[in-house]
Protein backbone atom coordinates (compact mmCIF):
# COMPACT_ATOMS: atom_id res chain seq x y z
CA MET A 1 -4.71 3.56 9.58
CA ALA A 2 -7.46 5.47 11.04
CA THR A 3 -6.76 8.51 12.55
CA THR A 4 -8.56 9.43 16.33
CA GLY A 5 -7.05 12.70 17.25
CA LYS A 6 -5.48 11.03 19.90
CA ARG A 7 -1.22 10.50 19.50
CA VAL A 8 0.03 7.08 21.44
CA THR A 9 3.67 5.44 21.60
CA PHE A 10 4.39 1.63 21.74
CA VAL A 11 6.77 0.73 24.38
CA CYS A 12 8.51 -2.85 25.37
CA SER A 13 6.34 -4.92 27.78
CA MET A 14 9.60 -5.82 29.43
CA CYS A 15 11.71 -2.59 29.75
CA GLY A 16 9.33 0.21 29.06
CA GLY A 17 11.52 1.50 26.16
CA ASN A 18 9.98 2.31 22.98
CA ASN A 19 12.74 1.55 20.53
CA VAL A 20 10.45 -1.33 19.17
CA THR A 21 9.68 -2.46 15.73
CA ARG A 22 7.25 -4.84 14.03
CA ASP A 23 7.17 -7.10 11.42
CA ALA A 24 5.30 -6.45 8.24
CA TRP A 25 5.03 -6.81 4.38
CA ALA A 26 4.96 -3.73 2.21
CA ARG A 27 4.63 -3.36 -1.42
CA TRP A 28 6.28 -1.47 -4.45
CA ASP A 29 3.74 1.58 -5.75
CA VAL A 30 4.92 2.12 -9.63
CA LYS A 31 2.84 5.04 -9.46
CA THR A 32 4.41 6.72 -6.26
CA GLN A 33 7.81 5.29 -6.61
CA GLU A 34 7.50 4.48 -2.73
CA TRP A 35 6.80 1.50 -0.29
CA VAL A 36 3.02 0.84 0.90
CA LEU A 37 2.70 -0.44 4.11
CA GLY A 38 0.33 -3.61 3.34
CA ASP A 39 -0.04 -5.24 6.86
CA LEU A 40 1.46 -5.66 10.40
CA TYR A 41 2.23 -9.02 12.06
CA ASP A 42 1.91 -9.83 15.73
CA HIS A 43 5.83 -10.29 16.19
CA ALA A 44 7.31 -7.28 17.91
CA ASP A 45 11.00 -7.04 18.95
CA CYS A 46 12.54 -4.56 21.55
CA GLN A 47 16.03 -3.05 20.27
CA ASP A 48 16.73 -2.18 23.74
CA CYS A 49 16.13 -5.54 25.24
CA ASP A 50 17.59 -7.31 22.38
CA GLY A 51 14.70 -9.66 21.94
CA GLU A 52 11.02 -10.95 21.27
CA THR A 53 8.32 -8.40 23.43
CA ARG A 54 4.68 -7.70 23.53
CA LEU A 55 3.98 -4.00 22.62
CA ILE A 56 1.69 -1.80 25.16
CA GLU A 57 0.08 1.38 23.60
CA VAL A 58 0.39 4.46 25.82
CA GLU A 59 -1.30 7.74 25.07
CA LEU A 60 0.68 10.63 24.74
CA ALA A 61 -0.13 13.70 26.67
CA SER A 62 -1.84 16.50 24.52
CA ALA A 63 0.36 19.36 23.54
C-alpha cells in the first residue's frame, strides 16, 4: 500500500462507526514466518451494525 503522508480511517456508511472489516486473502511467507496480505475484496461488514456495508474513507486531522 502506498503511503501518501495523510492519515485516514474507514467508517461504515450506515452508522459512521469504525468497527469495520473487509474480505481479503493472505499467503504464508516461509522466509518471514508471517502472513502477507495479498489483496482486498470489495465486501465489507460493520461489526456495530452487524451487517454488510459500504466503507467511507475519512481523513484524520494532523497530529
